[in-house]
Amino acid sequence: MNFDILQKSIPEECLRAFLEKGSRFDDRKFYESRKFNYSLGVLNSYEYSAIGSLGLNKILLVLKEVGKNLSEKPKINIIIDNFENNKSNKNVFDFINKLLRNNISYENNVNEKKEYDLFVTIESIDGNIYEVLAKSLDKFFSNESKIGIIFNKKFISKTICFINGTILFDPIKQEAEQANFICNIIKFEKKFIMYKIGGHTVPLKLLQEAILQIDNNGNDN
């Protein structure tokens, strides 16, 4: 029988068989993430634009100036365009807002403070759009983009799914669909934020093990 047909007809049994052999559908190790790719300045018509991708997860970022800002903190309006599933727009908005809120500031050499619209276009999703969002925004608001807005605190972002006691980093769609619990963990130097994506609960021991593995495998791409 063709593997694709088998995978679709009995997805849970097929995935369990792979995990029991210590393998995944795409031959990665359990704590291994796909390669993250990022390109800055991809649209000639906008001063600040970028594309980020992680496997088949792909997003486009565009920052557009909309006026002056009288506040000392950057004002960025988040606008989501999701080609895959508009129902998840609120979750994506909340995730981005959590990343940006109280963690961005103007660089010291910025004289004129401005208000911006941040357009986030989700072109495709393969189980892990949150990690590519976090990684792309981290690159976008860095010195290399020359926007003049930076993150105050650096972080590592990892999407993790738990399947019957097995911990998988950067899940593909089939793994995410079979997960008992799936979350994104944003880990700063001395604290972390867990953003629940789906599922019910996860044993504390497994969550602690996942956080430990972020320290050991967090900078793999």
Protein backbone atom coordinates (compact mmCIF):
# COMPACT_ATOMS: atom_id res chain seq x y z
CA MET A 1 0.00 0.00 0.00
CA ASN A 2 1.20 3.52 -0.81
CA PHE A 3 2.58 5.22 2.34
CA ASP A 4 0.56 8.42 1.78
CA ILE A 5 -2.65 6.40 1.62
CA LEU A 6 -1.67 4.44 4.73
CA GLN A 7 -0.82 7.66 6.56
CA LYS A 8 -4.23 9.16 5.76
CA SER A 9 -6.30 6.04 6.41
CA ILE A 10 -4.83 5.10 9.81
CA PRO A 11 -2.90 8.22 10.91
CA GLU A 12 -2.76 7.43 14.63
CA GLU A 13 -1.49 3.87 14.18
CA CYS A 14 0.98 4.94 11.51
CA LEU A 15 2.43 7.73 13.65
CA ARG A 16 2.62 5.49 16.73
CA ALA A 17 4.58 2.90 14.75
CA PHE A 18 7.13 5.54 13.72
CA LEU A 19 7.50 6.95 17.24
CA GLU A 20 7.96 3.49 18.75
CA LYS A 21 10.91 3.03 16.38
CA GLY A 22 12.37 6.38 17.50
CA SER A 23 11.66 7.97 14.13
CA ARG A 24 9.46 10.64 12.54
CA PHE A 25 7.82 10.91 9.13
CA ASP A 26 10.50 13.33 7.88
CA ASP A 27 13.44 11.42 9.50
CA ARG A 28 14.17 14.11 12.10
CA LYS A 29 15.16 13.31 15.67
CA PHE A 30 12.54 14.02 18.35
CA TYR A 31 14.20 17.26 19.50
CA GLU A 32 15.28 18.37 16.03
CA SER A 33 13.69 21.38 14.30
CA ARG A 34 13.48 22.09 10.61
CA LYS A 35 15.77 24.72 9.10
CA PHE A 36 14.57 28.30 9.55
CA ASN A 37 14.98 30.59 6.53
CA TYR A 38 14.64 34.36 6.56
CA SER A 39 14.94 37.05 3.88
CA LEU A 40 14.78 40.78 4.57
CA GLY A 41 13.69 43.44 2.04
CA VAL A 42 11.61 41.20 -0.23
CA LEU A 43 9.12 43.84 -1.48
CA ASN A 44 10.44 46.86 -3.35
CA SER A 45 7.30 48.89 -2.67
CA TYR A 46 7.77 48.78 1.13
CA GLU A 47 10.75 49.94 3.14
CA TYR A 48 10.48 47.12 5.67
CA SER A 49 9.43 43.63 4.56
CA ALA A 50 10.58 40.06 5.15
CA ILE A 51 9.72 36.43 4.52
CA GLY A 52 10.26 33.72 7.13
CA SER A 53 9.81 29.99 6.67
CA LEU A 54 10.26 26.82 8.69
CA GLY A 55 9.67 23.76 6.58
CA LEU A 56 6.35 24.41 4.82
CA ASN A 57 5.33 27.09 7.34
CA LYS A 58 5.69 30.46 5.61
CA ILE A 59 4.85 34.06 6.53
CA LEU A 60 5.32 37.52 5.06
CA LEU A 61 5.92 40.58 7.26
CA VAL A 62 5.39 44.18 6.13
CA LEU A 63 5.80 47.26 8.33
CA LYS A 64 4.16 50.45 7.09
CA GLU A 65 4.47 53.91 8.65
CA VAL A 66 1.04 55.43 9.36
CA GLY A 67 1.84 58.54 11.40
CA LYS A 68 3.76 60.08 14.26
CA ASN A 69 3.76 58.59 17.74
CA LEU A 70 3.78 60.81 20.84
CA SER A 71 4.33 57.90 23.22
CA GLU A 72 7.74 56.79 24.44
CA LYS A 73 6.85 53.20 23.60
CA PRO A 74 6.55 52.02 19.97
CA LYS A 75 2.99 51.85 18.71
CA ILE A 76 2.44 48.97 16.31
CA ASN A 77 -0.98 47.93 15.02
CA ILE A 78 -1.10 44.20 14.18
CA ILE A 79 -3.07 43.18 11.06
CA ILE A 80 -3.40 39.46 10.25
CA ASP A 81 -4.11 37.95 6.83
CA ASN A 82 -4.33 34.17 6.99
CA PHE A 83 -4.60 32.23 3.72
CA GLU A 84 -4.96 28.96 5.60
CA ASN A 85 -7.55 29.51 8.33
CA ASN A 86 -9.11 32.84 9.24
CA LYS A 87 -10.59 31.29 12.40
CA SER A 88 -7.12 31.17 13.95
CA ASN A 89 -6.46 34.89 13.38
CA LYS A 90 -7.32 35.79 16.98
CA ASN A 91 -4.88 33.19 18.32
CA VAL A 92 -2.13 34.48 16.04
CA PHE A 93 -2.91 38.08 17.02
CA ASP A 94 -2.76 37.20 20.74
CA PHE A 95 0.55 35.38 20.27
CA ILE A 96 2.19 38.28 18.39
CA ASN A 97 0.78 40.80 20.85
CA LYS A 98 2.25 38.79 23.73
CA LEU A 99 5.66 38.83 22.03
CA LEU A 100 5.60 42.56 21.36
CA ARG A 101 3.87 43.86 24.48
CA ASN A 102 6.32 45.37 26.99
CA ASN A 103 9.26 43.88 25.08
CA ILE A 104 10.00 46.37 22.28
CA SER A 105 11.52 49.81 22.45
CA TYR A 106 13.03 52.48 20.21
CA GLU A 107 16.76 52.38 19.69
CA ASN A 108 18.64 55.23 21.32
CA ASN A 109 19.51 56.84 17.98
CA VAL A 110 15.86 57.17 16.86
CA ASN A 111 14.90 60.84 16.84
CA GLU A 112 11.41 60.76 15.32
CA LYS A 113 9.01 58.26 16.86
CA LYS A 114 6.40 56.83 14.49
CA GLU A 115 3.27 54.69 14.51
CA TYR A 116 3.24 51.60 12.30
CA ASP A 117 0.91 48.98 10.88
CA LEU A 118 2.45 45.51 10.99
CA PHE A 119 0.92 43.29 8.30
CA VAL A 120 1.39 39.58 8.95
CA THR A 121 0.42 37.34 6.03
CA ILE A 122 0.33 33.61 6.73
CA GLU A 123 0.88 31.88 3.39
CA SER A 124 1.04 28.25 4.55
CA ILE A 125 0.91 26.22 7.75
CA ASP A 126 2.45 22.83 8.43
CA GLY A 127 1.91 22.24 12.13
CA ASN A 128 4.06 25.05 13.53
CA ILE A 129 3.20 28.59 12.46
CA TYR A 130 3.92 30.05 15.91
CA GLU A 131 7.61 29.25 15.92
CA VAL A 132 8.17 30.78 12.49
CA LEU A 133 6.26 33.87 13.64
CA ALA A 134 8.48 34.27 16.71
CA LYS A 135 11.73 33.63 14.86
CA SER A 136 10.77 36.00 12.03
CA LEU A 137 9.73 38.80 14.37
CA ASP A 138 12.94 38.36 16.35
CA LYS A 139 14.92 38.90 13.13
CA PHE A 140 12.61 41.66 11.91
CA PHE A 141 13.02 43.78 15.04
CA SER A 142 16.79 43.56 15.20
CA ASN A 143 19.63 45.89 14.33
CA GLU A 144 20.05 44.39 10.87
CA SER A 145 16.59 45.54 9.75
CA LYS A 146 17.39 49.18 10.64
CA ILE A 147 13.77 49.84 11.62
CA GLY A 148 14.85 51.53 14.82
CA ILE A 149 12.71 49.24 17.01
CA ILE A 150 14.26 46.31 18.86
CA PHE A 151 13.31 43.63 21.37
CA ASN A 152 14.42 44.48 24.90
CA LYS A 153 15.00 40.85 25.83
CA LYS A 154 16.16 38.05 23.55
CA PHE A 155 14.33 34.77 23.60
CA ILE A 156 14.11 31.27 22.16
CA SER A 157 10.79 30.06 20.76
CA LYS A 158 9.92 26.38 20.45
CA THR A 159 6.66 24.72 19.49
CA ILE A 160 6.39 21.38 21.26
CA CYS A 161 3.81 18.63 20.98
CA PHE A 162 3.29 15.75 23.39
CA ILE A 163 2.03 12.44 22.01
CA ASN A 164 1.44 9.71 24.60
CA GLY A 165 4.50 10.68 26.62
CA THR A 166 6.72 11.45 23.63
CA ILE A 167 8.07 15.00 23.24
CA LEU A 168 8.46 16.33 19.70
CA PHE A 169 9.95 19.69 18.71
CA ASP A 170 8.65 21.59 15.67
CA PRO A 171 5.76 19.25 14.80
CA ILE A 172 4.55 18.77 11.25
CA LYS A 173 0.81 18.84 10.58
CA GLN A 174 0.27 15.11 11.07
CA GLU A 175 2.03 15.17 14.45
CA ALA A 176 0.18 18.27 15.61
CA GLU A 177 -3.16 16.67 14.73
CA GLN A 178 -2.40 13.61 16.88
CA ALA A 179 -0.94 15.51 19.85
CA ASN A 180 -2.43 15.18 23.33
CA PHE A 181 -1.10 18.67 24.05
CA ILE A 182 0.71 21.25 21.93
CA CYS A 183 2.18 24.58 22.98
CA ASN A 184 4.76 27.19 22.11
CA ILE A 185 7.28 28.04 24.79
CA ILE A 186 8.96 31.44 24.67
CA LYS A 187 12.04 31.14 26.87
CA PHE A 188 13.88 34.21 28.11
CA GLU A 189 17.08 34.06 30.13
CA LYS A 190 15.34 33.73 33.50
CA LYS A 191 11.70 32.96 32.72
CA PHE A 192 9.44 31.43 30.12
CA ILE A 193 5.95 31.98 28.72
CA MET A 194 3.86 29.00 27.63
CA TYR A 195 1.30 29.67 24.91
CA LYS A 196 -1.22 26.84 24.66
CA ILE A 197 -2.12 25.89 21.09
CA GLY A 198 -4.26 22.80 21.59
CA GLY A 199 -5.05 19.79 23.75
CA HIS A 200 -6.03 19.55 27.39
CA THR A 201 -3.23 18.96 29.89
CA VAL A 202 0.33 17.72 30.01
CA PRO A 203 2.10 16.12 33.01
CA LEU A 204 4.39 18.58 34.77
CA LYS A 205 7.30 16.13 34.49
CA LEU A 206 7.02 16.09 30.69
CA LEU A 207 6.77 19.88 30.51
CA GLN A 208 9.89 20.24 32.67
CA GLU A 209 11.74 17.79 30.43
CA ALA A 210 10.70 19.78 27.34
CA ILE A 211 11.98 23.04 28.87
CA LEU A 212 15.27 21.32 29.75
CA GLN A 213 15.62 20.18 26.15
CA ILE A 214 15.09 23.74 24.90
CA ASP A 215 18.27 24.69 26.76
CA ASN A 216 20.10 21.78 25.14
CA ASN A 217 18.63 22.08 21.63
CA GLY A 218 17.23 25.61 21.45
CA ASN A 219 19.79 27.09 19.05
CA ASP A 220 19.71 24.39 16.41
CA ASN A 221 19.00 26.77 13.52
